[in-house]
Amino acid sequence: YSSKDLHGAEYIDSYVFNKVEDIRFNSTVGKYVGYTEHGVKNAETWNKGSELAQELGELERYCKHNAAIYYSNVLDKTGEQG
């Protein structure tokens, strides 16, 4: 994202095992995507279950909520001289 309105913010949740990305949720894509045989199987299951609904809410609940706090506490003050 590139503005305070957080339009275009993206939430990504990756699962990595032995340095190989197995599965990823991306809020822009709106679902899990598997990158290994195991990840593909999990993605199919998780996209049909409650896991997907929870991940879909994380952009609003976690990312945008915390980004607004960071903006008000850090980024808005970068022009101030102390």
PDB file of N, CA and C in Angstrom:
ATOM      1  N   TYR A   1       0.838  -1.172   0.000  1.00  0.00           N
ATOM      2  CA  TYR A   1       0.000   0.000   0.000  1.00  0.00           C
ATOM      3  C   TYR A   1       0.877   1.226   0.000  1.00  0.00           C
ATOM      4  N   SER A   2       0.307   2.322  -0.419  1.00  0.00           N
ATOM      5  CA  SER A   2       1.153   3.509  -0.532  1.00  0.00           C
ATOM      6  C   SER A   2       0.472   4.775  -0.033  1.00  0.00           C
ATOM      7  N   SER A   3      -0.630   4.624   0.676  1.00  0.00           N
ATOM      8  CA  SER A   3      -1.299   5.811   1.192  1.00  0.00           C
ATOM      9  C   SER A   3      -1.924   5.497   2.542  1.00  0.00           C
ATOM     10  N   LYS A   4      -2.294   6.547   3.269  1.00  0.00           N
ATOM     11  CA  LYS A   4      -2.869   6.367   4.594  1.00  0.00           C
ATOM     12  C   LYS A   4      -4.215   5.661   4.579  1.00  0.00           C
ATOM     13  N   ASP A   5      -4.918   5.683   3.452  1.00  0.00           N
ATOM     14  CA  ASP A   5      -6.215   5.006   3.425  1.00  0.00           C
ATOM     15  C   ASP A   5      -6.060   3.485   3.336  1.00  0.00           C
ATOM     16  N   LEU A   6      -4.832   3.007   3.183  1.00  0.00           N
ATOM     17  CA  LEU A   6      -4.475   1.590   3.169  1.00  0.00           C
ATOM     18  C   LEU A   6      -5.096   0.827   2.010  1.00  0.00           C
ATOM     19  N   HIS A   7      -5.541   1.559   0.999  1.00  0.00           N
ATOM     20  CA  HIS A   7      -6.049   0.918  -0.210  1.00  0.00           C
ATOM     21  C   HIS A   7      -4.902   0.146  -0.851  1.00  0.00           C
ATOM     22  N   GLY A   8      -5.131  -1.080  -1.168  1.00  0.00           N
ATOM     23  CA  GLY A   8      -4.089  -1.891  -1.774  1.00  0.00           C
ATOM     24  C   GLY A   8      -3.231  -2.642  -0.771  1.00  0.00           C
ATOM     25  N   ALA A   9      -3.545  -2.535   0.527  1.00  0.00           N
ATOM     26  CA  ALA A   9      -2.798  -3.307   1.521  1.00  0.00           C
ATOM     27  C   ALA A   9      -3.015  -4.790   1.249  1.00  0.00           C
ATOM     28  N   GLU A  10      -1.992  -5.559   1.511  1.00  0.00           N
ATOM     29  CA  GLU A  10      -2.037  -6.981   1.202  1.00  0.00           C
ATOM     30  C   GLU A  10      -1.553  -7.773   2.411  1.00  0.00           C
ATOM     31  N   TYR A  11      -2.293  -8.797   2.763  1.00  0.00           N
ATOM     32  CA  TYR A  11      -1.923  -9.686   3.865  1.00  0.00           C
ATOM     33  C   TYR A  11      -1.469 -11.011   3.269  1.00  0.00           C
ATOM     34  N   ILE A  12      -0.275 -11.472   3.668  1.00  0.00           N
ATOM     35  CA  ILE A  12       0.263 -12.738   3.186  1.00  0.00           C
ATOM     36  C   ILE A  12       0.648 -13.586   4.394  1.00  0.00           C
ATOM     37  N   ASP A  13       0.201 -14.829   4.392  1.00  0.00           N
ATOM     38  CA  ASP A  13       0.523 -15.788   5.441  1.00  0.00           C
ATOM     39  C   ASP A  13       1.137 -17.007   4.763  1.00  0.00           C
ATOM     40  N   SER A  14       2.443 -17.199   4.945  1.00  0.00           N
ATOM     41  CA  SER A  14       3.165 -18.291   4.286  1.00  0.00           C
ATOM     42  C   SER A  14       3.554 -19.362   5.291  1.00  0.00           C
ATOM     43  N   TYR A  15       3.526 -20.590   4.847  1.00  0.00           N
ATOM     44  CA  TYR A  15       3.960 -21.729   5.641  1.00  0.00           C
ATOM     45  C   TYR A  15       5.167 -22.343   4.948  1.00  0.00           C
ATOM     46  N   VAL A  16       6.284 -22.385   5.670  1.00  0.00           N
ATOM     47  CA  VAL A  16       7.552 -22.841   5.101  1.00  0.00           C
ATOM     48  C   VAL A  16       8.071 -24.013   5.929  1.00  0.00           C
ATOM     49  N   PHE A  17       8.541 -25.042   5.236  1.00  0.00           N
ATOM     50  CA  PHE A  17       9.146 -26.192   5.895  1.00  0.00           C
ATOM     51  C   PHE A  17      10.463 -26.502   5.201  1.00  0.00           C
ATOM     52  N   ASN A  18      11.541 -26.589   5.975  1.00  0.00           N
ATOM     53  CA  ASN A  18      12.880 -26.828   5.410  1.00  0.00           C
ATOM     54  C   ASN A  18      13.215 -25.848   4.285  1.00  0.00           C
ATOM     55  N   LYS A  19      12.916 -24.597   4.510  1.00  0.00           N
ATOM     56  CA  LYS A  19      13.220 -23.504   3.578  1.00  0.00           C
ATOM     57  C   LYS A  19      12.444 -23.569   2.260  1.00  0.00           C
ATOM     58  N   VAL A  20      11.395 -24.386   2.213  1.00  0.00           N
ATOM     59  CA  VAL A  20      10.560 -24.494   1.015  1.00  0.00           C
ATOM     60  C   VAL A  20       9.159 -24.014   1.366  1.00  0.00           C
ATOM     61  N   GLU A  21       8.668 -23.037   0.609  1.00  0.00           N
ATOM     62  CA  GLU A  21       7.312 -22.554   0.845  1.00  0.00           C
ATOM     63  C   GLU A  21       6.329 -23.636   0.416  1.00  0.00           C
ATOM     64  N   ASP A  22       5.509 -24.044   1.355  1.00  0.00           N
ATOM     65  CA  ASP A  22       4.559 -25.134   1.164  1.00  0.00           C
ATOM     66  C   ASP A  22       3.203 -24.613   0.692  1.00  0.00           C
ATOM     67  N   ILE A  23       2.750 -23.561   1.355  1.00  0.00           N
ATOM     68  CA  ILE A  23       1.418 -23.016   1.087  1.00  0.00           C
ATOM     69  C   ILE A  23       1.411 -21.543   1.465  1.00  0.00           C
ATOM     70  N   ARG A  24       0.569 -20.764   0.797  1.00  0.00           N
ATOM     71  CA  ARG A  24       0.484 -19.327   1.072  1.00  0.00           C
ATOM     72  C   ARG A  24      -0.965 -18.862   0.939  1.00  0.00           C
ATOM     73  N   PHE A  25      -1.363 -18.018   1.905  1.00  0.00           N
ATOM     74  CA  PHE A  25      -2.614 -17.279   1.764  1.00  0.00           C
ATOM     75  C   PHE A  25      -2.239 -15.862   1.383  1.00  0.00           C
ATOM     76  N   ASN A  26      -2.912 -15.318   0.381  1.00  0.00           N
ATOM     77  CA  ASN A  26      -2.694 -13.948  -0.067  1.00  0.00           C
ATOM     78  C   ASN A  26      -4.059 -13.278  -0.130  1.00  0.00           C
ATOM     79  N   SER A  27      -4.228 -12.171   0.588  1.00  0.00           N
ATOM     80  CA  SER A  27      -5.538 -11.519   0.632  1.00  0.00           C
ATOM     81  C   SER A  27      -5.964 -10.973  -0.722  1.00  0.00           C
ATOM     82  N   THR A  28      -5.021 -10.652  -1.579  1.00  0.00           N
ATOM     83  CA  THR A  28      -5.364 -10.172  -2.918  1.00  0.00           C
ATOM     84  C   THR A  28      -5.936 -11.303  -3.763  1.00  0.00           C
ATOM     85  N   VAL A  29      -5.368 -12.488  -3.636  1.00  0.00           N
ATOM     86  CA  VAL A  29      -5.863 -13.670  -4.350  1.00  0.00           C
ATOM     87  C   VAL A  29      -7.151 -14.166  -3.694  1.00  0.00           C
ATOM     88  N   GLY A  30      -7.223 -14.073  -2.364  1.00  0.00           N
ATOM     89  CA  GLY A  30      -8.423 -14.445  -1.632  1.00  0.00           C
ATOM     90  C   GLY A  30      -8.549 -15.922  -1.322  1.00  0.00           C
ATOM     91  N   LYS A  31      -7.438 -16.645  -1.399  1.00  0.00           N
ATOM     92  CA  LYS A  31      -7.474 -18.073  -1.083  1.00  0.00           C
ATOM     93  C   LYS A  31      -6.056 -18.569  -0.827  1.00  0.00           C
ATOM     94  N   TYR A  32      -5.982 -19.814  -0.354  1.00  0.00           N
ATOM     95  CA  TYR A  32      -4.695 -20.481  -0.179  1.00  0.00           C
ATOM     96  C   TYR A  32      -4.241 -21.048  -1.512  1.00  0.00           C
ATOM     97  N   VAL A  33      -2.934 -21.010  -1.736  1.00  0.00           N
ATOM     98  CA  VAL A  33      -2.330 -21.616  -2.921  1.00  0.00           C
ATOM     99  C   VAL A  33      -1.197 -22.514  -2.433  1.00  0.00           C
ATOM    100  N   GLY A  34      -1.191 -23.762  -2.900  1.00  0.00           N
ATOM    101  CA  GLY A  34      -0.145 -24.702  -2.531  1.00  0.00           C
ATOM    102  C   GLY A  34       0.968 -24.709  -3.559  1.00  0.00           C
ATOM    103  N   TYR A  35       2.197 -24.888  -3.081  1.00  0.00           N
ATOM    104  CA  TYR A  35       3.367 -24.885  -3.961  1.00  0.00           C
ATOM    105  C   TYR A  35       4.113 -26.215  -3.959  1.00  0.00           C
ATOM    106  N   THR A  36       3.690 -27.130  -3.111  1.00  0.00           N
ATOM    107  CA  THR A  36       4.242 -28.478  -3.076  1.00  0.00           C
ATOM    108  C   THR A  36       3.061 -29.442  -3.110  1.00  0.00           C
ATOM    109  N   GLU A  37       3.333 -30.712  -3.263  1.00  0.00           N
ATOM    110  CA  GLU A  37       2.242 -31.695  -3.274  1.00  0.00           C
ATOM    111  C   GLU A  37       1.431 -31.609  -1.981  1.00  0.00           C
ATOM    112  N   HIS A  38       2.130 -31.541  -0.862  1.00  0.00           N
ATOM    113  CA  HIS A  38       1.467 -31.415   0.440  1.00  0.00           C
ATOM    114  C   HIS A  38       0.706 -30.093   0.538  1.00  0.00           C
ATOM    115  N   GLY A  39       1.313 -29.017   0.065  1.00  0.00           N
ATOM    116  CA  GLY A  39       0.678 -27.705   0.111  1.00  0.00           C
ATOM    117  C   GLY A  39      -0.578 -27.625  -0.735  1.00  0.00           C
ATOM    118  N   VAL A  40      -0.561 -28.257  -1.896  1.00  0.00           N
ATOM    119  CA  VAL A  40      -1.741 -28.266  -2.769  1.00  0.00           C
ATOM    120  C   VAL A  40      -2.899 -28.979  -2.077  1.00  0.00           C
ATOM    121  N   LYS A  41      -2.610 -30.104  -1.428  1.00  0.00           N
ATOM    122  CA  LYS A  41      -3.660 -30.844  -0.710  1.00  0.00           C
ATOM    123  C   LYS A  41      -4.232 -30.004   0.428  1.00  0.00           C
ATOM    124  N   ASN A  42      -3.341 -29.359   1.193  1.00  0.00           N
ATOM    125  CA  ASN A  42      -3.818 -28.509   2.286  1.00  0.00           C
ATOM    126  C   ASN A  42      -4.611 -27.322   1.761  1.00  0.00           C
ATOM    127  N   ALA A  43      -4.166 -26.714   0.684  1.00  0.00           N
ATOM    128  CA  ALA A  43      -4.878 -25.568   0.116  1.00  0.00           C
ATOM    129  C   ALA A  43      -6.299 -25.959  -0.271  1.00  0.00           C
ATOM    130  N   GLU A  44      -6.455 -27.104  -0.892  1.00  0.00           N
ATOM    131  CA  GLU A  44      -7.794 -27.565  -1.278  1.00  0.00           C
ATOM    132  C   GLU A  44      -8.690 -27.724  -0.056  1.00  0.00           C
ATOM    133  N   THR A  45      -8.141 -28.295   1.007  1.00  0.00           N
ATOM    134  CA  THR A  45      -8.911 -28.498   2.240  1.00  0.00           C
ATOM    135  C   THR A  45      -9.194 -27.177   2.938  1.00  0.00           C
ATOM    136  N   TRP A  46      -8.171 -26.355   3.108  1.00  0.00           N
ATOM    137  CA  TRP A  46      -8.318 -25.102   3.846  1.00  0.00           C
ATOM    138  C   TRP A  46      -9.217 -24.113   3.124  1.00  0.00           C
ATOM    139  N   ASN A  47      -9.236 -24.135   1.810  1.00  0.00           N
ATOM    140  CA  ASN A  47     -10.102 -23.220   1.061  1.00  0.00           C
ATOM    141  C   ASN A  47     -11.577 -23.575   1.212  1.00  0.00           C
ATOM    142  N   LYS A  48     -11.868 -24.774   1.690  1.00  0.00           N
ATOM    143  CA  LYS A  48     -13.254 -25.205   1.903  1.00  0.00           C
ATOM    144  C   LYS A  48     -13.672 -25.086   3.360  1.00  0.00           C
ATOM    145  N   GLY A  49     -12.742 -24.782   4.242  1.00  0.00           N
ATOM    146  CA  GLY A  49     -13.025 -24.799   5.670  1.00  0.00           C
ATOM    147  C   GLY A  49     -13.029 -23.434   6.322  1.00  0.00           C
ATOM    148  N   SER A  50     -13.099 -23.462   7.643  1.00  0.00           N
ATOM    149  CA  SER A  50     -13.154 -22.224   8.424  1.00  0.00           C
ATOM    150  C   SER A  50     -11.838 -21.455   8.375  1.00  0.00           C
ATOM    151  N   GLU A  51     -10.753 -22.126   7.997  1.00  0.00           N
ATOM    152  CA  GLU A  51      -9.453 -21.457   7.901  1.00  0.00           C
ATOM    153  C   GLU A  51      -9.504 -20.285   6.924  1.00  0.00           C
ATOM    154  N   LEU A  52     -10.213 -20.463   5.823  1.00  0.00           N
ATOM    155  CA  LEU A  52     -10.289 -19.409   4.807  1.00  0.00           C
ATOM    156  C   LEU A  52     -11.002 -18.180   5.355  1.00  0.00           C
ATOM    157  N   ALA A  53     -12.120 -18.374   6.029  1.00  0.00           N
ATOM    158  CA  ALA A  53     -12.865 -17.236   6.583  1.00  0.00           C
ATOM    159  C   ALA A  53     -12.007 -16.462   7.579  1.00  0.00           C
ATOM    160  N   GLN A  54     -11.247 -17.176   8.381  1.00  0.00           N
ATOM    161  CA  GLN A  54     -10.386 -16.502   9.357  1.00  0.00           C
ATOM    162  C   GLN A  54      -9.311 -15.684   8.656  1.00  0.00           C
ATOM    163  N   GLU A  55      -8.664 -16.249   7.660  1.00  0.00           N
ATOM    164  CA  GLU A  55      -7.615 -15.522   6.935  1.00  0.00           C
ATOM    165  C   GLU A  55      -8.184 -14.303   6.219  1.00  0.00           C
ATOM    166  N   LEU A  56      -9.372 -14.429   5.659  1.00  0.00           N
ATOM    167  CA  LEU A  56      -9.977 -13.296   4.949  1.00  0.00           C
ATOM    168  C   LEU A  56     -10.197 -12.109   5.879  1.00  0.00           C
ATOM    169  N   GLY A  57     -10.423 -12.365   7.159  1.00  0.00           N
ATOM    170  CA  GLY A  57     -10.628 -11.293   8.122  1.00  0.00           C
ATOM    171  C   GLY A  57      -9.348 -10.667   8.647  1.00  0.00           C
ATOM    172  N   GLU A  58      -8.212 -11.309   8.435  1.00  0.00           N
ATOM    173  CA  GLU A  58      -6.954 -10.824   9.002  1.00  0.00           C
ATOM    174  C   GLU A  58      -6.502  -9.486   8.419  1.00  0.00           C
ATOM    175  N   LEU A  59      -6.786  -9.224   7.171  1.00  0.00           N
ATOM    176  CA  LEU A  59      -6.386  -7.946   6.572  1.00  0.00           C
ATOM    177  C   LEU A  59      -7.013  -6.791   7.341  1.00  0.00           C
ATOM    178  N   GLU A  60      -8.294  -6.889   7.632  1.00  0.00           N
ATOM    179  CA  GLU A  60      -8.974  -5.825   8.378  1.00  0.00           C
ATOM    180  C   GLU A  60      -8.599  -5.856   9.859  1.00  0.00           C
ATOM    181  N   ARG A  61      -8.671  -7.045  10.467  1.00  0.00           N
ATOM    182  CA  ARG A  61      -8.472  -7.173  11.904  1.00  0.00           C
ATOM    183  C   ARG A  61      -7.035  -6.883  12.328  1.00  0.00           C
ATOM    184  N   TYR A  62      -6.094  -7.377  11.602  1.00  0.00           N
ATOM    185  CA  TYR A  62      -4.699  -7.264  12.023  1.00  0.00           C
ATOM    186  C   TYR A  62      -3.939  -6.187  11.252  1.00  0.00           C
ATOM    187  N   CYS A  63      -3.912  -6.301   9.945  1.00  0.00           N
ATOM    188  CA  CYS A  63      -3.057  -5.413   9.137  1.00  0.00           C
ATOM    189  C   CYS A  63      -3.519  -3.963   9.174  1.00  0.00           C
ATOM    190  N   LYS A  64      -4.748  -3.727   8.783  1.00  0.00           N
ATOM    191  CA  LYS A  64      -5.207  -2.336   8.694  1.00  0.00           C
ATOM    192  C   LYS A  64      -5.297  -1.692  10.067  1.00  0.00           C
ATOM    193  N   HIS A  65      -5.701  -2.463  11.064  1.00  0.00           N
ATOM    194  CA  HIS A  65      -5.776  -1.931  12.426  1.00  0.00           C
ATOM    195  C   HIS A  65      -4.392  -1.481  12.895  1.00  0.00           C
ATOM    196  N   ASN A  66      -3.404  -2.350  12.758  1.00  0.00           N
ATOM    197  CA  ASN A  66      -2.051  -2.023  13.214  1.00  0.00           C
ATOM    198  C   ASN A  66      -1.375  -0.982  12.337  1.00  0.00           C
ATOM    199  N   ALA A  67      -1.633  -1.000  11.052  1.00  0.00           N
ATOM    200  CA  ALA A  67      -1.035   0.000  10.168  1.00  0.00           C
ATOM    201  C   ALA A  67      -1.504   1.400  10.554  1.00  0.00           C
ATOM    202  N   ALA A  68      -2.769   1.524  10.916  1.00  0.00           N
ATOM    203  CA  ALA A  68      -3.285   2.828  11.335  1.00  0.00           C
ATOM    204  C   ALA A  68      -2.569   3.311  12.598  1.00  0.00           C
ATOM    205  N   ILE A  69      -2.301   2.401  13.509  1.00  0.00           N
ATOM    206  CA  ILE A  69      -1.568   2.758  14.731  1.00  0.00           C
ATOM    207  C   ILE A  69      -0.139   3.180  14.386  1.00  0.00           C
ATOM    208  N   TYR A  70       0.516   2.425  13.522  1.00  0.00           N
ATOM    209  CA  TYR A  70       1.886   2.767  13.127  1.00  0.00           C
ATOM    210  C   TYR A  70       1.943   4.130  12.458  1.00  0.00           C
ATOM    211  N   TYR A  71       0.972   4.400  11.586  1.00  0.00           N
ATOM    212  CA  TYR A  71       0.940   5.705  10.929  1.00  0.00           C
ATOM    213  C   TYR A  71       0.855   6.820  11.957  1.00  0.00           C
ATOM    214  N   SER A  72      -0.050   6.678  12.912  1.00  0.00           N
ATOM    215  CA  SER A  72      -0.251   7.770  13.864  1.00  0.00           C
ATOM    216  C   SER A  72       0.913   7.910  14.844  1.00  0.00           C
ATOM    217  N   ASN A  73       1.596   6.830  15.152  1.00  0.00           N
ATOM    218  CA  ASN A  73       2.678   6.878  16.139  1.00  0.00           C
ATOM    219  C   ASN A  73       4.069   7.063  15.560  1.00  0.00           C
ATOM    220  N   VAL A  74       4.270   6.707  14.319  1.00  0.00           N
ATOM    221  CA  VAL A  74       5.619   6.750  13.759  1.00  0.00           C
ATOM    222  C   VAL A  74       5.678   7.595  12.497  1.00  0.00           C
ATOM    223  N   LEU A  75       4.952   7.177  11.496  1.00  0.00           N
ATOM    224  CA  LEU A  75       5.110   7.797  10.189  1.00  0.00           C
ATOM    225  C   LEU A  75       4.673   9.252  10.151  1.00  0.00           C
ATOM    226  N   ASP A  76       3.625   9.608  10.893  1.00  0.00           N
ATOM    227  CA  ASP A  76       3.177  10.998  10.901  1.00  0.00           C
ATOM    228  C   ASP A  76       4.176  11.915  11.604  1.00  0.00           C
ATOM    229  N   LYS A  77       5.064  11.358  12.401  1.00  0.00           N
ATOM    230  CA  LYS A  77       5.990  12.163  13.190  1.00  0.00           C
ATOM    231  C   LYS A  77       7.375  12.256  12.565  1.00  0.00           C
ATOM    232  N   THR A  78       7.570  11.676  11.402  1.00  0.00           N
ATOM    233  CA  THR A  78       8.903  11.666  10.801  1.00  0.00           C
ATOM    234  C   THR A  78       9.363  13.055  10.392  1.00  0.00           C
ATOM    235  N   GLY A  79       8.438  13.978  10.207  1.00  0.00           N
ATOM    236  CA  GLY A  79       8.818  15.332   9.828  1.00  0.00           C
ATOM    237  C   GLY A  79       9.099  16.228  11.018  1.00  0.00           C
ATOM    238  N   GLU A  80       8.763  15.763  12.222  1.00  0.00           N
ATOM    239  CA  GLU A  80       8.993  16.564  13.422  1.00  0.00           C
ATOM    240  C   GLU A  80      10.467  16.559  13.801  1.00  0.00           C
ATOM    241  N   GLN A  81      10.904  17.673  14.342  1.00  0.00           N
ATOM    242  CA  GLN A  81      12.282  17.754  14.823  1.00  0.00           C
ATOM    243  C   GLN A  81      12.266  17.700  16.340  1.00  0.00           C
ATOM    244  N   GLY A  82      13.179  16.921  16.904  1.00  0.00           N
ATOM    245  CA  GLY A  82      13.161  16.735  18.343  1.00  0.00           C
ATOM    246  C   GLY A  82      14.242  17.333  19.029  1.00  0.00           C
TER     247      GLY A  82
END
